[in-house]
Amino acid sequence: MKKFIISIAFILIGVYVVDRLGGEAMWWVNQHTHDVSGPKIKYLANDVDEDIVMMGTSRCNCHYVPSIISDTLGVSVYNGGIDASDNIYAHYIMLNHIMAHHAPKVICLEVMTSDFVKEKDPFTTVTFFAPYFGRNAQADSVFRLAGSYYQYKVSHLYRYNSKSFSNIAGLLVNRHLGGDHGYIPPTKNPHFPDTLLYRDTPHNVDNLKTEYVQKFVDLCYKNGTKVVFVVSPCYSKIDTDFYDVLKEIARKNNIPFLDYHTPGLYHDHPEYFKDPSHLRADEDARRYSSVFAHDLKQILKQESNMLE
């Protein structure tokens, strides 16, 4: 029996050592990888110091050209869009890490229906941020909701479960193409949508998500950061009430809501889109960024200190 207990103890100690050493090794990989999102998350969590930070998922990633926005407004801009980050839970995690070291003058959040509708598993991609577990209590609160908090607390190696292969591959191949302050140009697609589809207004509202949209806004305001909600162009028809849930939050908090979907910007140009949700090429993102930058400048002019 004594030998058995000693054997179990050695196994547990061995597992602990392997987990901690493996965690340290994967942290090094995570901090040196050149995969699609790793370098951007690292920059946002540690070094971002621009005046305006764009946030959101892939639509933000490839729709906003910082150099165009910066030239128009005369301030520094960073595109912090993270591909496949999905919804407000991921954005809230990232915002907490940003605010821990830098309060931008303006946060422009690219919002989508996934920020307020019910989903089968709304926490899938918060695992992208698991390597930064333990650095910010408010960010970690989302992992409690996701049910992975104690797994990450017990196992350091488990934190790298979702992106380990991508991170390691990023040591060998540079897949991070965000040369213009985080902007990653759309991959030009030879095809474009041939039908302008109609999308029903979503009514399956997730109240916990809207609570986190409000928490996102509150954190910005607490740090003196202005918030702007944006919806970039989509190739689909919708009714005017499509974004009412988010527009109501914006109204209550006096947040500008720049909506380029409901009015149907570029609906007469299907060649500008590679699918109903994404612009097709770099020139299309630049065209849109010029429109957005002009409108944002008009908004911020009303609060001149934002551009000083």
Protein backbone atom coordinates (compact mmCIF):
# COMPACT_ATOMS: atom_id res chain seq x y z
CA MET A 1 0.00 0.00 0.00
CA LYS A 2 2.83 2.38 0.89
CA LYS A 3 4.53 1.73 -2.45
CA PHE A 4 1.25 2.37 -4.22
CA ILE A 5 0.80 5.72 -2.48
CA ILE A 6 4.40 6.70 -3.30
CA SER A 7 3.85 5.73 -6.94
CA ILE A 8 0.68 7.84 -7.12
CA ALA A 9 2.55 10.76 -5.52
CA PHE A 10 5.36 10.49 -8.07
CA ILE A 11 2.83 10.36 -10.91
CA LEU A 12 1.01 13.44 -9.62
CA ILE A 13 4.27 15.32 -9.16
CA GLY A 14 5.33 14.28 -12.65
CA VAL A 15 2.04 15.48 -14.15
CA TYR A 16 2.38 18.77 -12.27
CA VAL A 17 5.95 19.32 -13.49
CA VAL A 18 5.08 18.42 -17.09
CA ASP A 19 2.06 20.72 -16.98
CA ARG A 20 4.01 23.68 -15.62
CA LEU A 21 7.01 23.21 -17.91
CA GLY A 22 4.70 22.60 -20.87
CA GLY A 23 2.76 25.72 -19.98
CA GLU A 24 5.98 27.77 -19.90
CA ALA A 25 7.05 26.34 -23.24
CA MET A 26 3.68 27.08 -24.86
CA TRP A 27 3.68 30.60 -23.43
CA TRP A 28 7.00 31.20 -25.19
CA VAL A 29 5.53 29.80 -28.40
CA ASN A 30 2.44 31.99 -27.99
CA GLN A 31 4.55 35.11 -27.54
CA HIS A 32 6.76 34.39 -30.58
CA THR A 33 4.30 32.88 -33.05
CA HIS A 34 3.39 34.54 -36.33
CA ASP A 35 0.02 32.88 -36.76
CA VAL A 36 -3.05 34.89 -37.77
CA SER A 37 -4.18 36.25 -34.39
CA GLY A 38 -1.38 35.59 -31.88
CA PRO A 39 0.76 38.68 -32.57
CA LYS A 40 -2.30 40.95 -32.58
CA ILE A 41 -3.60 39.65 -29.25
CA LYS A 42 -0.11 40.05 -27.79
CA TYR A 43 0.11 43.65 -29.02
CA LEU A 44 -3.34 44.54 -27.72
CA ALA A 45 -2.68 42.95 -24.33
CA ASN A 46 0.72 44.56 -23.82
CA ASP A 47 1.66 47.40 -26.14
CA VAL A 48 -1.22 49.10 -27.96
CA ASP A 49 -1.01 52.86 -27.44
CA GLU A 50 -2.99 54.30 -30.36
CA ASP A 51 -5.63 57.01 -29.89
CA ILE A 52 -8.35 55.05 -31.66
CA VAL A 53 -8.68 51.26 -31.46
CA MET A 54 -11.04 49.37 -33.74
CA MET A 55 -12.46 46.20 -32.16
CA GLY A 56 -14.54 43.31 -33.45
CA THR A 57 -14.21 40.07 -35.33
CA SER A 58 -13.25 39.28 -38.95
CA ARG A 59 -15.44 42.07 -40.34
CA CYS A 60 -13.43 44.55 -38.32
CA ASN A 61 -10.21 42.77 -39.19
CA CYS A 62 -10.54 43.31 -42.93
CA HIS A 63 -12.86 46.32 -43.35
CA TYR A 64 -10.96 49.16 -41.64
CA VAL A 65 -7.68 50.55 -42.98
CA PRO A 66 -5.97 52.45 -40.13
CA SER A 67 -3.75 54.62 -42.36
CA ILE A 68 -6.81 56.05 -44.14
CA ILE A 69 -8.67 56.71 -40.88
CA SER A 70 -5.53 58.17 -39.29
CA ASP A 71 -4.86 60.51 -42.23
CA THR A 72 -8.45 61.77 -42.12
CA LEU A 73 -8.63 62.31 -38.36
CA GLY A 74 -5.02 63.21 -37.64
CA VAL A 75 -4.67 60.70 -34.79
CA SER A 76 -3.13 57.24 -34.46
CA VAL A 77 -5.37 54.24 -35.21
CA TYR A 78 -5.01 50.50 -34.67
CA ASN A 79 -7.21 47.76 -36.10
CA GLY A 80 -7.68 45.33 -33.22
CA GLY A 81 -10.19 43.09 -34.99
CA ILE A 82 -9.57 39.42 -34.17
CA ASP A 83 -10.70 36.85 -36.70
CA ALA A 84 -13.37 34.45 -35.39
CA SER A 85 -13.59 36.16 -31.99
CA ASP A 86 -17.34 35.83 -32.49
CA ASN A 87 -19.12 38.05 -29.97
CA ILE A 88 -19.15 40.48 -27.05
CA TYR A 89 -17.65 37.98 -24.59
CA ALA A 90 -14.38 37.87 -26.54
CA HIS A 91 -14.40 41.64 -27.04
CA TYR A 92 -14.95 42.21 -23.31
CA ILE A 93 -11.98 39.97 -22.43
CA MET A 94 -9.75 41.86 -24.86
CA LEU A 95 -10.95 45.27 -23.69
CA ASN A 96 -10.01 44.48 -20.09
CA HIS A 97 -6.47 43.60 -21.15
CA ILE A 98 -6.20 46.81 -23.18
CA MET A 99 -7.52 49.02 -20.39
CA ALA A 100 -5.10 47.49 -17.92
CA HIS A 101 -2.27 49.46 -19.57
CA HIS A 102 -3.80 51.99 -21.98
CA ALA A 103 -7.04 53.96 -22.29
CA PRO A 104 -7.60 54.91 -25.94
CA LYS A 105 -9.44 58.14 -26.68
CA VAL A 106 -11.97 56.20 -28.74
CA ILE A 107 -12.99 52.54 -29.07
CA CYS A 108 -14.93 51.75 -32.25
CA LEU A 109 -16.70 48.41 -31.81
CA GLU A 110 -17.90 46.61 -34.94
CA VAL A 111 -21.14 45.08 -33.67
CA MET A 112 -23.12 42.17 -35.09
CA THR A 113 -26.24 40.19 -34.27
CA SER A 114 -24.00 37.62 -32.55
CA ASP A 115 -23.46 40.29 -29.88
CA PHE A 116 -27.05 39.97 -28.69
CA VAL A 117 -28.72 36.78 -30.01
CA LYS A 118 -28.82 33.42 -28.27
CA GLU A 119 -26.32 30.84 -29.54
CA LYS A 120 -25.83 27.16 -28.75
CA ASP A 121 -22.29 27.76 -27.52
CA PRO A 122 -21.47 31.48 -27.27
CA PHE A 123 -18.15 30.87 -25.51
CA THR A 124 -16.38 28.79 -28.16
CA THR A 125 -13.74 31.31 -29.15
CA VAL A 126 -13.00 32.86 -25.75
CA THR A 127 -10.49 30.01 -25.57
CA PHE A 128 -8.29 32.13 -27.89
CA PHE A 129 -7.55 34.33 -24.87
CA ALA A 130 -6.90 31.52 -22.39
CA PRO A 131 -3.08 31.96 -22.51
CA TYR A 132 -3.65 35.31 -20.74
CA PHE A 133 -5.67 33.70 -17.95
CA GLY A 134 -4.70 34.97 -14.51
CA ARG A 135 -3.57 38.42 -15.64
CA ASN A 136 -6.91 40.22 -15.27
CA ALA A 137 -9.71 39.26 -12.90
CA GLN A 138 -12.47 40.93 -14.92
CA ALA A 139 -11.36 39.24 -18.13
CA ASP A 140 -11.20 35.92 -16.27
CA SER A 141 -14.82 36.38 -15.16
CA VAL A 142 -15.89 35.36 -18.68
CA PHE A 143 -14.10 32.04 -18.25
CA ARG A 144 -16.25 31.47 -15.16
CA LEU A 145 -19.34 31.92 -17.33
CA ALA A 146 -17.86 29.58 -19.93
CA GLY A 147 -17.23 26.90 -17.30
CA SER A 148 -13.49 26.67 -18.00
CA TYR A 149 -12.16 28.84 -15.16
CA TYR A 150 -11.03 26.02 -12.86
CA GLN A 151 -9.59 23.93 -15.68
CA TYR A 152 -7.38 26.87 -16.66
CA LYS A 153 -6.51 27.54 -13.03
CA VAL A 154 -5.44 23.95 -12.39
CA SER A 155 -3.70 23.25 -15.73
CA HIS A 156 -1.40 25.79 -17.37
CA LEU A 157 -0.95 23.57 -20.42
CA TYR A 158 -4.70 23.25 -20.97
CA ARG A 159 -4.87 27.01 -21.63
CA TYR A 160 -3.21 26.43 -25.01
CA ASN A 161 -5.51 23.63 -26.10
CA SER A 162 -7.42 25.55 -28.80
CA LYS A 163 -4.53 27.30 -30.57
CA SER A 164 -1.52 25.07 -29.93
CA PHE A 165 -1.14 23.76 -33.49
CA SER A 166 -1.73 27.20 -35.00
CA ASN A 167 0.79 28.78 -32.62
CA ILE A 168 3.45 26.17 -33.37
CA ALA A 169 2.83 26.45 -37.14
CA GLY A 170 3.25 30.20 -36.75
CA LEU A 171 6.86 29.64 -35.68
CA LEU A 172 7.55 28.15 -39.10
CA VAL A 173 5.28 30.16 -41.41
CA ASN A 174 4.41 33.84 -41.05
CA ARG A 175 0.62 33.99 -41.43
CA HIS A 176 0.26 37.36 -39.70
CA LEU A 177 -0.25 39.91 -42.47
CA GLY A 178 -1.34 42.92 -40.41
CA GLY A 179 1.22 45.33 -41.79
CA ASP A 180 -0.98 48.44 -41.63
CA HIS A 181 -1.47 48.78 -37.87
CA GLY A 182 -3.38 45.52 -37.48
CA TYR A 183 -5.36 45.67 -40.72
CA ILE A 184 -5.44 42.40 -42.62
CA PRO A 185 -6.60 42.92 -46.23
CA PRO A 186 -9.45 40.71 -47.48
CA THR A 187 -8.32 37.74 -49.50
CA LYS A 188 -9.58 38.60 -52.96
CA ASN A 189 -12.21 36.14 -54.11
CA PRO A 190 -12.90 35.71 -57.85
CA HIS A 191 -16.58 35.19 -57.04
CA PHE A 192 -19.13 37.49 -55.46
CA PRO A 193 -22.76 37.13 -54.32
CA ASP A 194 -25.22 36.93 -57.19
CA THR A 195 -28.37 37.32 -55.08
CA LEU A 196 -29.30 39.97 -52.53
CA LEU A 197 -30.93 37.88 -49.81
CA TYR A 198 -33.34 39.08 -47.12
CA ARG A 199 -32.50 38.48 -43.45
CA ASP A 200 -35.22 38.39 -40.79
CA THR A 201 -34.87 40.61 -37.75
CA PRO A 202 -33.60 38.46 -34.85
CA HIS A 203 -35.78 38.35 -31.74
CA ASN A 204 -34.08 35.63 -29.68
CA VAL A 205 -32.26 38.09 -27.44
CA ASP A 206 -29.68 36.83 -24.96
CA ASN A 207 -29.96 39.13 -21.95
CA LEU A 208 -26.58 38.05 -20.60
CA LYS A 209 -24.94 39.19 -23.83
CA THR A 210 -26.63 42.58 -23.69
CA GLU A 211 -25.47 42.84 -20.08
CA TYR A 212 -21.91 42.36 -21.31
CA VAL A 213 -22.36 44.93 -24.06
CA GLN A 214 -23.28 47.35 -21.26
CA LYS A 215 -20.28 46.20 -19.20
CA PHE A 216 -18.09 46.88 -22.25
CA VAL A 217 -19.48 50.42 -22.46
CA ASP A 218 -19.15 50.99 -18.71
CA LEU A 219 -15.49 49.93 -18.73
CA CYS A 220 -14.74 52.37 -21.54
CA TYR A 221 -16.50 55.24 -19.80
CA LYS A 222 -14.80 54.41 -16.50
CA ASN A 223 -11.46 54.96 -18.24
CA GLY A 224 -12.53 58.12 -20.08
CA THR A 225 -12.79 56.39 -23.46
CA LYS A 226 -15.52 57.34 -25.94
CA VAL A 227 -17.41 54.45 -27.55
CA VAL A 228 -18.72 54.27 -31.11
CA PHE A 229 -20.79 51.35 -32.41
CA VAL A 230 -20.33 50.54 -36.10
CA VAL A 231 -21.90 48.12 -38.57
CA SER A 232 -19.92 47.93 -41.79
CA PRO A 233 -21.59 47.06 -45.13
CA CYS A 234 -23.22 43.67 -45.68
CA TYR A 235 -24.74 42.31 -48.86
CA SER A 236 -28.22 41.51 -47.55
CA LYS A 237 -31.54 43.26 -47.17
CA ILE A 238 -32.82 43.91 -43.65
CA ASP A 239 -35.60 45.89 -41.98
CA THR A 240 -34.89 49.10 -40.08
CA ASP A 241 -35.42 47.36 -36.71
CA PHE A 242 -32.70 44.75 -37.36
CA TYR A 243 -30.22 46.27 -34.88
CA ASP A 244 -32.75 47.80 -32.48
CA VAL A 245 -31.41 45.89 -29.46
CA LEU A 246 -27.95 47.40 -29.94
CA LYS A 247 -29.32 50.78 -30.98
CA GLU A 248 -31.29 50.96 -27.73
CA ILE A 249 -28.12 50.35 -25.72
CA ALA A 250 -26.42 53.04 -27.78
CA ARG A 251 -29.30 55.46 -27.19
CA LYS A 252 -29.29 54.92 -23.42
CA ASN A 253 -25.54 55.55 -23.25
CA ASN A 254 -25.40 58.40 -25.78
CA ILE A 255 -23.24 56.30 -28.11
CA PRO A 256 -23.03 57.11 -31.84
CA PHE A 257 -24.28 54.22 -33.98
CA LEU A 258 -22.86 54.24 -37.50
CA ASP A 259 -25.01 51.82 -39.49
CA TYR A 260 -23.89 51.08 -43.06
CA HIS A 261 -25.96 47.91 -43.40
CA THR A 262 -29.55 49.04 -42.92
CA PRO A 263 -29.34 51.82 -45.56
CA GLY A 264 -27.80 49.27 -47.94
CA LEU A 265 -24.43 50.86 -48.66
CA TYR A 266 -23.01 49.24 -51.84
CA HIS A 267 -26.06 47.06 -52.49
CA ASP A 268 -25.77 48.20 -56.09
CA HIS A 269 -22.21 46.83 -56.18
CA PRO A 270 -22.20 43.07 -55.47
CA GLU A 271 -18.67 42.99 -56.91
CA TYR A 272 -17.51 44.76 -53.73
CA PHE A 273 -18.35 41.65 -51.65
CA LYS A 274 -16.87 38.15 -51.47
CA ASP A 275 -19.82 36.89 -49.38
CA PRO A 276 -22.84 38.52 -47.71
CA SER A 277 -20.78 39.57 -44.66
CA HIS A 278 -17.34 40.55 -46.00
CA LEU A 279 -15.94 43.02 -48.48
CA ARG A 280 -14.07 41.40 -51.30
CA ALA A 281 -10.69 43.09 -51.69
CA ASP A 282 -8.29 45.67 -50.33
CA GLU A 283 -9.61 48.41 -52.62
CA ASP A 284 -13.14 47.79 -51.32
CA ALA A 285 -11.99 48.08 -47.70
CA ARG A 286 -10.18 51.31 -48.59
CA ARG A 287 -13.27 52.70 -50.26
CA TYR A 288 -15.37 51.95 -47.20
CA SER A 289 -12.71 53.19 -44.76
CA SER A 290 -12.77 56.59 -46.46
CA VAL A 291 -16.54 56.84 -45.95
CA PHE A 292 -16.29 55.68 -42.34
CA ALA A 293 -13.38 58.01 -41.54
CA HIS A 294 -15.27 61.03 -42.86
CA ASP A 295 -18.35 60.21 -40.77
CA LEU A 296 -16.32 59.46 -37.64
CA LYS A 297 -14.49 62.77 -38.00
CA GLN A 298 -17.80 64.64 -38.05
CA ILE A 299 -18.87 62.88 -34.86
CA LEU A 300 -15.61 63.50 -33.01
CA LYS A 301 -15.48 67.12 -34.10
CA GLN A 302 -18.41 67.68 -31.77
CA GLU A 303 -16.03 66.68 -28.98
CA SER A 304 -12.90 68.43 -30.16
CA ASN A 305 -10.75 67.10 -27.32
CA MET A 306 -11.04 63.64 -28.91
CA LEU A 307 -8.92 64.79 -31.84
CA GLU A 308 -6.29 66.67 -29.82
